[in-house]
Amino acid sequence: MPRTDARAREDRPRWWGSTAFRITLLHLVLTLIGTLALSGVAWWASTGFALRQLAQDVERDSGLLQQAIRIGGPRSAAISIEARLASDRSGTQYYLLAGPDGARLAGNLASAPQTPGWRQLRLSGADAGAGAELLALGTPLPGGGFLMVGRDIAPVRQLEGFLLSAAGWVGGVALLLGLGGGLLIGRGVTRRAAAMGTALARVEAGEIDHRLPVRRGGDEFDRLARRINTALDRVQGLMQALRQVTDDIAHDLRTPLNRLRQRLEAALRTAQGEADWRAATEGAILDCERLLDIFAALLRIAQAESGARRAGFTRFDLSAVAETVAEVHAPAAEERGQSLETAIAPGLEMLGDSDLVTQMLSNLLDNAVKHGRAGGRVALRLAPASSGGAVLTVEDDGPGIPAGARGAVLHRFHRLDAARATPGTGLGLALVKAVAELHGIDLHLGEAMPGLRVTLAIPGVTPGQGSGA
């Protein structure tokens, strides 16, 4: 356990290097970029609107002064300018009315470039409000004069500063919240990952029955933990099955190997002539054949369970296979005085491995003949299913299998006590189950009253081209 804990601590990720923390940082960067973009748009829209308002005020004021000049001459405009300056409490209005000779007639600007149109000016020391920045509009007057009307853009600059300050505060708060959220999320994810790593380390150390913790929340970690737990259950089941198969192989092979050894030892001690040696050799060959049958059945089961044969699936005539299997087992049924009844719909085809399906049907019919009642009845039926596919049943009127043992007989080497006296390997139904699972066939063991009924629901069965369907 100390090595397990040390390994878990070694593999435990740091919260600042976790994927959740990195994703949070990425989200934070994108949030900051979005905040900066929105702040820039707000700054541009707000300052632009304020400048446009100033420009409209300047244009309106300049138009009124020009109208006063047209009506009452420069004297009237000069009086109007002085009145405006007297009422300007904010100190943001600037004027210059110059005569034809360039001399100032009115206004608080000492001088200004007499260039028509819009311009931005910074006042020098000779002007009132030196250092102020103006948005000004110059207009030439009839007769050679010049009028300039300006407004201080300091309020616009204050608005820009306020917006930049607000953007800084918003960005800072977003940064702090993002970092805090990243720390919390990263540490939470790291703890979940560390718990899963510790659990897997315990499984790796040999505690195969240990499972990952699953909370009630049902998030992605819980779903992943459930899937891993399911996989661990499957691995544990396979390991237990492997141990059981190993024990069963050792148990079932011990008897024929001991019998083989006893035959050979007895032959060495007591054989007197060719007849004795021949009898001993034939008995040994029978024991060897039984061993080879066991290994061949195990190999077929392994091939079916691995799914390797699925790549070679082809369409074949299932009805013909069923007919052939029935013909092969008819003599054995006749020897026991049994009637073999068949009801096989012609021309039914399926996609699969014809050799394995043939072996599956042969095992079922062989079990029905061997374990059915002597002088009784064995039936093999194949018919299309109303819901698609086909249904194949094999039944007998023997002692059957108790309901509680029907799942166990599908395992390797499992044989009912009542069947121990009959020859067999205990692998027949295990092979049937493996082949059925390989082909997606639903296998069901039921009651025939009396006897056993095995039902196979075979998907994908279709009438063949030559069936006339």
Protein backbone atom coordinates (compact mmCIF):
# COMPACT_ATOMS: atom_id res chain seq x y z
CA MET A 1 0.00 0.00 0.00
CA PRO A 2 2.83 2.55 0.69
CA ARG A 3 4.18 1.97 -2.83
CA THR A 4 0.68 2.49 -4.20
CA ASP A 5 0.28 5.79 -2.36
CA ALA A 6 3.73 6.94 -3.45
CA ARG A 7 2.96 6.09 -7.03
CA ALA A 8 -0.35 7.94 -6.79
CA ARG A 9 1.39 11.01 -5.37
CA GLU A 10 3.99 10.84 -8.11
CA ASP A 11 1.33 10.69 -10.83
CA ARG A 12 -0.87 13.36 -9.23
CA PRO A 13 -1.09 16.39 -11.55
CA ARG A 14 -0.48 19.90 -10.30
CA TRP A 15 -3.52 22.15 -10.40
CA TRP A 16 -1.66 24.88 -12.31
CA GLY A 17 -0.78 22.35 -15.00
CA SER A 18 -4.25 20.84 -15.28
CA THR A 19 -6.27 20.97 -18.46
CA ALA A 20 -9.13 22.73 -16.66
CA PHE A 21 -6.79 25.50 -15.48
CA ARG A 22 -5.37 25.92 -18.98
CA ILE A 23 -8.85 26.10 -20.44
CA THR A 24 -9.78 28.66 -17.80
CA LEU A 25 -6.72 30.74 -18.67
CA LEU A 26 -7.62 30.55 -22.36
CA HIS A 27 -11.15 31.64 -21.52
CA LEU A 28 -9.70 34.45 -19.42
CA VAL A 29 -7.51 35.66 -22.29
CA LEU A 30 -10.47 35.59 -24.66
CA THR A 31 -12.56 37.46 -22.08
CA LEU A 32 -9.88 40.14 -21.72
CA ILE A 33 -9.61 40.47 -25.49
CA GLY A 34 -13.38 40.80 -25.70
CA THR A 35 -13.36 43.38 -22.89
CA LEU A 36 -10.68 45.40 -24.64
CA ALA A 37 -12.58 45.20 -27.93
CA LEU A 38 -15.84 46.32 -26.31
CA SER A 39 -14.05 49.09 -24.43
CA GLY A 40 -12.45 50.26 -27.65
CA VAL A 41 -15.79 50.34 -29.41
CA ALA A 42 -17.36 52.19 -26.48
CA TRP A 43 -14.46 54.67 -26.41
CA TRP A 44 -14.67 55.28 -30.14
CA ALA A 45 -18.43 55.69 -30.13
CA SER A 46 -18.55 57.92 -27.03
CA THR A 47 -15.67 60.24 -27.92
CA GLY A 48 -16.82 60.39 -31.52
CA PHE A 49 -20.29 61.38 -30.41
CA ALA A 50 -18.89 64.07 -28.09
CA LEU A 51 -16.69 65.48 -30.86
CA ARG A 52 -19.62 65.55 -33.25
CA GLN A 53 -21.67 67.44 -30.67
CA LEU A 54 -18.88 70.00 -30.30
CA ALA A 55 -18.60 70.31 -34.07
CA GLN A 56 -22.35 70.89 -34.42
CA ASP A 57 -22.21 73.55 -31.68
CA VAL A 58 -19.33 75.29 -33.46
CA GLU A 59 -21.11 75.17 -36.83
CA ARG A 60 -24.32 76.56 -35.32
CA ASP A 61 -22.51 79.37 -33.51
CA SER A 62 -20.46 80.25 -36.59
CA GLY A 63 -23.61 80.36 -38.71
CA LEU A 64 -25.34 82.74 -36.30
CA LEU A 65 -22.33 85.08 -36.25
CA GLN A 66 -22.11 85.09 -40.03
CA GLN A 67 -25.80 85.94 -40.19
CA ALA A 68 -25.20 88.82 -37.75
CA ILE A 69 -22.39 90.12 -39.96
CA ARG A 70 -24.60 90.04 -43.03
CA ILE A 71 -27.37 91.93 -41.21
CA GLY A 72 -25.48 94.41 -39.02
CA GLY A 73 -21.90 94.21 -40.15
CA PRO A 74 -18.76 93.30 -38.17
CA ARG A 75 -19.80 95.62 -35.35
CA SER A 76 -22.93 93.59 -34.67
CA ALA A 77 -20.91 90.32 -34.72
CA ALA A 78 -18.34 91.80 -32.33
CA ILE A 79 -21.06 92.76 -29.83
CA SER A 80 -22.54 89.25 -30.10
CA ILE A 81 -19.12 87.65 -29.51
CA GLU A 82 -18.49 89.75 -26.40
CA ALA A 83 -21.91 88.78 -25.08
CA ARG A 84 -21.19 85.11 -25.60
CA LEU A 85 -17.84 85.37 -23.82
CA ALA A 86 -19.43 87.20 -20.92
CA SER A 87 -22.01 84.43 -20.45
CA ASP A 88 -19.52 81.54 -20.86
CA ARG A 89 -19.01 80.29 -17.31
CA SER A 90 -17.22 77.11 -18.39
CA GLY A 91 -14.54 78.97 -20.27
CA THR A 92 -14.66 76.61 -23.21
CA GLN A 93 -15.75 79.06 -25.96
CA TYR A 94 -13.19 80.79 -28.16
CA TYR A 95 -13.67 83.38 -30.91
CA LEU A 96 -11.65 85.53 -33.26
CA LEU A 97 -13.13 88.18 -35.51
CA ALA A 98 -10.45 89.75 -37.72
CA GLY A 99 -10.78 92.65 -40.12
CA PRO A 100 -9.50 92.79 -43.71
CA ASP A 101 -6.09 93.91 -42.45
CA GLY A 102 -5.89 90.93 -40.06
CA ALA A 103 -6.36 92.99 -36.92
CA ARG A 104 -8.52 91.49 -34.20
CA LEU A 105 -11.91 93.15 -33.89
CA ALA A 106 -13.36 90.88 -31.17
CA GLY A 107 -12.80 87.55 -29.40
CA ASN A 108 -10.48 85.97 -26.84
CA LEU A 109 -7.99 84.53 -29.35
CA ALA A 110 -4.94 86.75 -29.88
CA SER A 111 -4.25 85.22 -33.26
CA ALA A 112 -5.08 82.19 -35.37
CA PRO A 113 -4.11 80.87 -38.76
CA GLN A 114 -6.59 82.34 -41.21
CA THR A 115 -7.11 79.06 -43.04
CA PRO A 116 -10.70 78.09 -43.86
CA GLY A 117 -12.12 74.79 -42.63
CA TRP A 118 -11.74 72.59 -39.56
CA ARG A 119 -8.56 72.31 -37.55
CA GLN A 120 -7.34 71.52 -34.03
CA LEU A 121 -5.37 74.26 -32.30
CA ARG A 122 -3.30 74.33 -29.15
CA LEU A 123 -3.33 77.78 -27.56
CA SER A 124 -0.05 79.54 -26.95
CA GLY A 125 0.89 81.72 -24.02
CA ALA A 126 -0.55 84.87 -25.61
CA ASP A 127 -4.08 83.45 -25.61
CA ALA A 128 -6.47 83.04 -22.74
CA GLY A 129 -6.41 79.48 -21.45
CA ALA A 130 -2.92 78.83 -22.77
CA GLY A 131 -2.26 75.16 -23.47
CA ALA A 132 -5.88 74.35 -24.19
CA GLU A 133 -6.70 72.23 -27.22
CA LEU A 134 -9.43 73.55 -29.48
CA LEU A 135 -11.65 72.20 -32.21
CA ALA A 136 -12.04 75.29 -34.46
CA LEU A 137 -13.80 76.25 -37.70
CA GLY A 138 -12.39 79.12 -39.80
CA THR A 139 -14.60 81.02 -42.25
CA PRO A 140 -13.52 83.87 -44.61
CA LEU A 141 -15.92 86.85 -44.51
CA PRO A 142 -17.16 88.99 -47.37
CA GLY A 143 -14.93 92.00 -47.76
CA GLY A 144 -11.77 90.27 -46.57
CA GLY A 145 -12.45 89.63 -42.91
CA PHE A 146 -12.08 86.26 -41.10
CA LEU A 147 -14.11 84.50 -38.41
CA MET A 148 -12.93 81.62 -36.27
CA VAL A 149 -15.13 79.85 -33.73
CA GLY A 150 -13.67 77.17 -31.44
CA ARG A 151 -14.49 74.98 -28.47
CA ASP A 152 -12.19 73.49 -25.85
CA ILE A 153 -12.12 69.69 -26.22
CA ALA A 154 -10.99 69.13 -22.63
CA PRO A 155 -14.37 67.57 -21.70
CA VAL A 156 -13.88 65.05 -24.51
CA ARG A 157 -10.42 64.21 -23.20
CA GLN A 158 -11.89 63.78 -19.71
CA LEU A 159 -14.49 61.42 -21.14
CA GLU A 160 -11.72 59.42 -22.85
CA GLY A 161 -9.80 59.17 -19.60
CA PHE A 162 -12.89 58.02 -17.73
CA LEU A 163 -13.60 55.34 -20.34
CA LEU A 164 -10.00 54.11 -20.25
CA SER A 165 -10.07 54.02 -16.46
CA ALA A 166 -13.35 52.10 -16.48
CA ALA A 167 -11.94 49.64 -19.02
CA GLY A 168 -8.92 49.13 -16.77
CA TRP A 169 -11.10 48.43 -13.75
CA VAL A 170 -13.34 46.05 -15.69
CA GLY A 171 -10.32 44.24 -17.12
CA GLY A 172 -8.70 43.99 -13.71
CA VAL A 173 -11.84 42.60 -12.10
CA ALA A 174 -12.26 40.12 -14.97
CA LEU A 175 -8.62 39.09 -14.56
CA LEU A 176 -8.99 38.51 -10.82
CA LEU A 177 -12.27 36.64 -11.19
CA GLY A 178 -10.84 34.53 -14.03
CA LEU A 179 -7.71 33.67 -12.08
CA GLY A 180 -9.75 32.84 -8.98
CA GLY A 181 -12.15 30.71 -10.98
CA GLY A 182 -9.24 29.01 -12.72
CA LEU A 183 -7.66 28.17 -9.39
CA LEU A 184 -10.88 26.76 -7.97
CA ILE A 185 -11.79 24.78 -11.10
CA GLY A 186 -8.24 23.57 -11.61
CA ARG A 187 -7.90 22.38 -8.02
CA GLY A 188 -11.31 20.68 -8.16
CA VAL A 189 -10.48 18.86 -11.38
CA THR A 190 -7.06 17.94 -10.05
CA ARG A 191 -8.60 16.41 -6.94
CA ARG A 192 -11.01 14.35 -9.06
CA ALA A 193 -8.21 13.20 -11.35
CA ALA A 194 -6.00 12.41 -8.36
CA ALA A 195 -8.77 10.32 -6.78
CA MET A 196 -9.22 8.39 -10.01
CA GLY A 197 -5.45 7.92 -10.32
CA THR A 198 -5.22 6.64 -6.75
CA ALA A 199 -8.04 4.16 -7.36
CA LEU A 200 -6.43 2.90 -10.56
CA ALA A 201 -3.10 2.60 -8.76
CA ARG A 202 -4.75 0.38 -6.16
CA VAL A 203 -6.19 -1.77 -8.94
CA GLU A 204 -2.74 -1.91 -10.53
CA ALA A 205 -1.29 -2.99 -7.18
CA GLY A 206 -3.58 -6.01 -7.09
CA GLU A 207 -6.84 -4.80 -5.53
CA ILE A 208 -8.79 -5.90 -8.57
CA ASP A 209 -12.14 -5.44 -6.80
CA HIS A 210 -11.47 -1.75 -6.02
CA ARG A 211 -13.46 0.76 -8.07
CA LEU A 212 -13.28 4.45 -8.91
CA PRO A 213 -15.39 6.81 -6.79
CA VAL A 214 -18.61 8.01 -8.43
CA ARG A 215 -20.55 11.00 -7.15
CA ARG A 216 -24.23 11.74 -7.58
CA GLY A 217 -23.57 14.79 -9.72
CA GLY A 218 -23.33 12.83 -12.93
CA ASP A 219 -20.72 15.07 -14.62
CA GLU A 220 -18.23 13.91 -17.24
CA PHE A 221 -15.85 12.56 -14.58
CA ASP A 222 -18.64 10.46 -13.09
CA ARG A 223 -19.60 9.13 -16.53
CA LEU A 224 -15.95 8.33 -17.23
CA ALA A 225 -15.61 6.65 -13.82
CA ARG A 226 -18.67 4.51 -14.51
CA ARG A 227 -17.26 3.43 -17.87
CA ILE A 228 -13.90 2.59 -16.27
CA ASN A 229 -15.65 0.69 -13.48
CA THR A 230 -17.61 -1.25 -16.07
CA ALA A 231 -14.37 -2.07 -17.88
CA LEU A 232 -12.78 -3.14 -14.59
CA ASP A 233 -15.79 -5.34 -13.86
CA ARG A 234 -15.34 -6.90 -17.27
CA VAL A 235 -11.62 -7.43 -16.69
CA GLN A 236 -12.28 -8.92 -13.26
CA GLY A 237 -14.90 -11.22 -14.73
CA LEU A 238 -12.50 -12.32 -17.47
CA MET A 239 -9.76 -12.96 -14.93
CA GLN A 240 -12.10 -15.01 -12.79
CA ALA A 241 -13.29 -16.88 -15.86
CA LEU A 242 -9.68 -17.49 -16.85
CA ARG A 243 -8.88 -18.89 -13.42
CA GLN A 244 -12.01 -21.02 -13.55
CA VAL A 245 -11.16 -22.28 -17.03
CA THR A 246 -7.63 -23.10 -15.90
CA ASP A 247 -8.97 -25.08 -12.95
CA ASP A 248 -11.53 -26.80 -15.17
CA ILE A 249 -8.92 -27.70 -17.76
CA ALA A 250 -6.65 -29.14 -15.10
CA HIS A 251 -9.56 -31.08 -13.62
CA ASP A 252 -10.98 -32.41 -16.89
CA LEU A 253 -7.63 -33.30 -18.41
CA ARG A 254 -6.41 -35.12 -15.33
CA THR A 255 -8.79 -38.03 -15.87
CA PRO A 256 -7.94 -38.85 -19.50
CA LEU A 257 -4.23 -38.32 -18.86
CA ASN A 258 -4.29 -40.64 -15.86
CA ARG A 259 -6.27 -43.20 -17.87
CA LEU A 260 -3.76 -42.93 -20.70
CA ARG A 261 -0.87 -43.41 -18.33
CA GLN A 262 -2.56 -46.37 -16.62
CA ARG A 263 -3.22 -48.03 -19.99
CA LEU A 264 0.38 -47.68 -21.02
CA GLU A 265 1.72 -48.87 -17.64
CA ALA A 266 -0.65 -51.82 -17.68
CA ALA A 267 0.46 -52.68 -21.20
CA LEU A 268 4.09 -52.64 -20.10
CA ARG A 269 3.33 -54.95 -17.17
CA THR A 270 0.82 -57.40 -18.57
CA ALA A 271 0.83 -57.31 -22.38
CA GLN A 272 1.83 -60.76 -23.68
CA GLY A 273 1.23 -60.57 -27.37
CA GLU A 274 0.20 -58.48 -30.31
CA ALA A 275 -3.48 -58.52 -29.34
CA ASP A 276 -2.78 -57.07 -25.91
CA TRP A 277 -0.52 -54.39 -27.36
CA ARG A 278 -3.12 -53.53 -30.01
CA ALA A 279 -5.89 -53.19 -27.39
CA ALA A 280 -3.68 -50.96 -25.23
CA THR A 281 -2.71 -48.84 -28.23
CA GLU A 282 -6.31 -48.40 -29.35
CA GLY A 283 -7.36 -47.36 -25.86
CA ALA A 284 -4.50 -44.88 -25.72
CA ILE A 285 -5.49 -43.47 -29.11
CA LEU A 286 -9.07 -42.97 -27.88
CA ASP A 287 -7.82 -41.09 -24.84
CA CYS A 288 -5.58 -38.94 -27.08
CA GLU A 289 -8.52 -38.19 -29.37
CA ARG A 290 -10.59 -37.06 -26.41
CA LEU A 291 -7.77 -34.72 -25.36
CA LEU A 292 -7.46 -33.39 -28.90
CA ASP A 293 -11.24 -32.84 -29.01
CA ILE A 294 -11.03 -30.77 -25.85
CA PHE A 295 -8.23 -28.58 -27.21
CA ALA A 296 -9.96 -28.21 -30.59
CA ALA A 297 -13.16 -27.09 -28.86
CA LEU A 298 -11.22 -24.60 -26.74
CA LEU A 299 -9.55 -23.18 -29.85
CA ARG A 300 -12.90 -22.79 -31.63
CA ILE A 301 -14.37 -21.04 -28.60
CA ALA A 302 -11.34 -18.71 -28.43
CA GLN A 303 -11.68 -17.88 -32.13
CA ALA A 304 -15.37 -17.14 -31.77
CA GLU A 305 -14.93 -14.99 -28.66
CA SER A 306 -12.07 -12.99 -30.18
CA GLY A 307 -14.24 -11.90 -33.12
CA ALA A 308 -11.40 -12.57 -35.56
CA ARG A 309 -13.66 -14.71 -37.75
CA ARG A 310 -16.09 -11.82 -38.24
CA ALA A 311 -13.88 -10.33 -40.97
CA GLY A 312 -14.48 -13.42 -43.13
CA PHE A 313 -18.29 -13.43 -42.89
CA THR A 314 -20.09 -14.38 -46.10
CA ARG A 315 -23.69 -15.10 -47.01
CA PHE A 316 -24.55 -18.80 -46.96
CA ASP A 317 -27.63 -21.00 -47.08
CA LEU A 318 -28.69 -21.50 -43.46
CA SER A 319 -31.49 -23.85 -44.49
CA ALA A 320 -29.02 -26.13 -46.28
CA VAL A 321 -26.73 -26.15 -43.23
CA ALA A 322 -29.64 -27.14 -40.97
CA GLU A 323 -30.66 -29.92 -43.38
CA THR A 324 -27.09 -31.26 -43.50
CA VAL A 325 -26.72 -31.25 -39.69
CA ALA A 326 -30.03 -33.10 -39.35
CA GLU A 327 -28.93 -35.75 -41.86
CA VAL A 328 -25.60 -36.26 -40.07
CA HIS A 329 -27.27 -36.85 -36.67
CA ALA A 330 -30.15 -38.94 -37.95
CA PRO A 331 -28.24 -42.26 -37.56
CA ALA A 332 -27.33 -41.45 -33.94
CA ALA A 333 -30.96 -40.66 -33.15
CA GLU A 334 -32.06 -43.86 -34.84
CA GLU A 335 -29.62 -45.90 -32.72
CA ARG A 336 -31.35 -44.58 -29.58
CA GLY A 337 -34.76 -45.21 -31.02
CA GLN A 338 -35.53 -41.52 -31.28
CA SER A 339 -37.57 -39.84 -33.98
CA LEU A 340 -35.82 -36.81 -35.47
CA GLU A 341 -38.45 -34.32 -36.62
CA THR A 342 -37.43 -31.46 -38.89
CA ALA A 343 -39.36 -28.43 -40.11
CA ILE A 344 -36.87 -26.29 -42.03
CA ALA A 345 -38.02 -23.42 -44.24
CA PRO A 346 -36.06 -23.56 -47.51
CA GLY A 347 -33.84 -20.87 -48.98
CA LEU A 348 -33.05 -18.86 -45.85
CA GLU A 349 -29.66 -17.15 -46.02
CA MET A 350 -27.60 -15.36 -43.37
CA LEU A 351 -24.32 -13.48 -43.11
CA GLY A 352 -21.77 -15.28 -40.98
CA ASP A 353 -19.19 -18.05 -40.68
CA SER A 354 -20.79 -21.19 -42.09
CA ASP A 355 -18.29 -23.53 -40.40
CA LEU A 356 -18.93 -22.09 -36.93
CA VAL A 357 -22.70 -22.01 -37.44
CA THR A 358 -22.57 -25.64 -38.59
CA GLN A 359 -20.60 -26.57 -35.47
CA MET A 360 -23.10 -24.66 -33.30
CA LEU A 361 -26.11 -26.48 -34.75
CA SER A 362 -24.26 -29.80 -34.58
CA ASN A 363 -23.51 -29.28 -30.87
CA LEU A 364 -27.14 -28.48 -30.13
CA LEU A 365 -28.48 -31.47 -32.00
CA ASP A 366 -25.81 -33.75 -30.53
CA ASN A 367 -26.78 -32.69 -27.00
CA ALA A 368 -30.46 -33.25 -27.79
CA VAL A 369 -29.77 -36.78 -29.07
CA LYS A 370 -27.42 -37.72 -26.21
CA HIS A 371 -29.42 -36.28 -23.34
CA GLY A 372 -32.90 -36.82 -24.76
CA ARG A 373 -35.03 -39.75 -23.70
CA ALA A 374 -34.24 -43.06 -25.41
CA GLY A 375 -37.07 -43.83 -27.78
CA GLY A 376 -38.25 -40.25 -27.48
CA ARG A 377 -38.41 -37.31 -29.82
CA VAL A 378 -35.88 -34.74 -31.05
CA ALA A 379 -36.98 -31.74 -33.13
CA LEU A 380 -35.13 -29.20 -35.29
CA ARG A 381 -37.13 -26.28 -36.66
CA LEU A 382 -36.13 -23.22 -38.69
CA ALA A 383 -38.63 -20.59 -39.78
CA PRO A 384 -38.71 -16.88 -40.64
CA ALA A 385 -39.60 -14.58 -37.75
CA SER A 386 -42.50 -12.16 -38.04
CA SER A 387 -40.30 -9.30 -36.83
CA GLY A 388 -37.47 -10.12 -39.24
CA GLY A 389 -34.66 -12.65 -39.23
CA ALA A 390 -35.35 -16.26 -38.37
CA VAL A 391 -35.96 -18.49 -35.35
CA LEU A 392 -34.24 -21.87 -34.97
CA THR A 393 -35.26 -24.27 -32.19
CA VAL A 394 -33.82 -27.57 -31.05
CA GLU A 395 -35.75 -29.53 -28.43
CA ASP A 396 -35.91 -32.95 -26.84
CA ASP A 397 -38.13 -34.73 -24.29
CA GLY A 398 -35.36 -35.74 -21.88
CA PRO A 399 -34.77 -34.63 -18.28
CA GLY A 400 -33.93 -31.07 -19.40
CA ILE A 401 -31.89 -28.57 -17.42
CA PRO A 402 -33.11 -26.98 -14.17
CA ALA A 403 -33.88 -23.28 -14.53
CA GLY A 404 -31.22 -22.33 -11.99
CA ALA A 405 -28.49 -24.16 -13.92
CA ARG A 406 -29.26 -22.91 -17.44
CA GLY A 407 -26.83 -20.03 -17.19
CA ALA A 408 -24.04 -22.16 -15.74
CA VAL A 409 -24.17 -24.84 -18.47
CA LEU A 410 -23.07 -22.19 -20.97
CA HIS A 411 -19.70 -21.92 -19.22
CA ARG A 412 -16.68 -23.98 -20.17
CA PHE A 413 -16.45 -27.49 -18.69
CA HIS A 414 -19.66 -27.12 -16.73
CA ARG A 415 -21.61 -30.39 -16.80
CA LEU A 416 -24.67 -31.41 -14.86
CA ASP A 417 -24.14 -34.22 -12.35
CA ALA A 418 -26.74 -36.28 -14.15
CA ALA A 419 -24.68 -36.06 -17.32
CA ARG A 420 -21.33 -37.10 -15.85
CA ALA A 421 -21.86 -40.67 -16.94
CA THR A 422 -22.30 -39.68 -20.58
CA PRO A 423 -19.32 -38.90 -22.79
CA GLY A 424 -18.55 -35.26 -23.47
CA THR A 425 -16.18 -32.41 -22.74
CA GLY A 426 -18.52 -29.85 -21.17
CA LEU A 427 -17.60 -27.42 -23.97
CA GLY A 428 -20.49 -27.94 -26.38
CA LEU A 429 -22.87 -25.29 -25.05
CA ALA A 430 -19.96 -22.94 -24.31
CA LEU A 431 -19.09 -23.06 -28.02
CA VAL A 432 -22.77 -22.51 -28.88
CA LYS A 433 -22.80 -19.38 -26.71
CA ALA A 434 -19.55 -18.04 -28.23
CA VAL A 435 -20.74 -18.56 -31.81
CA ALA A 436 -24.13 -17.01 -31.01
CA GLU A 437 -22.50 -13.90 -29.53
CA LEU A 438 -20.17 -13.63 -32.52
CA HIS A 439 -23.15 -13.54 -34.89
CA GLY A 440 -25.41 -11.40 -32.69
CA ILE A 441 -27.79 -14.33 -32.12
CA ASP A 442 -30.07 -14.28 -29.09
CA LEU A 443 -29.65 -17.65 -27.30
CA HIS A 444 -32.34 -18.85 -24.89
CA LEU A 445 -32.64 -22.11 -22.95
CA GLY A 446 -36.22 -22.92 -22.04
CA GLU A 447 -38.60 -25.66 -21.00
CA ALA A 448 -40.02 -28.11 -23.59
CA MET A 449 -42.34 -29.84 -21.06
CA PRO A 450 -40.69 -32.23 -20.75
CA GLY A 451 -37.15 -31.70 -21.96
CA LEU A 452 -35.06 -28.76 -23.07
CA ARG A 453 -35.86 -26.26 -25.80
CA VAL A 454 -32.99 -24.16 -27.18
CA THR A 455 -34.14 -21.12 -29.15
CA LEU A 456 -31.90 -19.08 -31.44
CA ALA A 457 -33.21 -15.72 -32.70
CA ILE A 458 -31.00 -15.14 -35.73
CA PRO A 459 -30.92 -11.57 -37.15
CA GLY A 460 -30.30 -10.65 -40.78
CA VAL A 461 -31.74 -13.84 -42.28
CA THR A 462 -33.29 -13.27 -45.70
CA PRO A 463 -34.83 -15.47 -48.37
CA GLY A 464 -32.31 -16.59 -50.96
CA GLN A 465 -32.58 -15.70 -54.64
CA GLY A 466 -33.56 -19.21 -55.51
CA SER A 467 -36.19 -19.57 -52.82
CA GLY A 468 -38.97 -18.10 -54.91
CA ALA A 469 -39.80 -15.57 -52.18
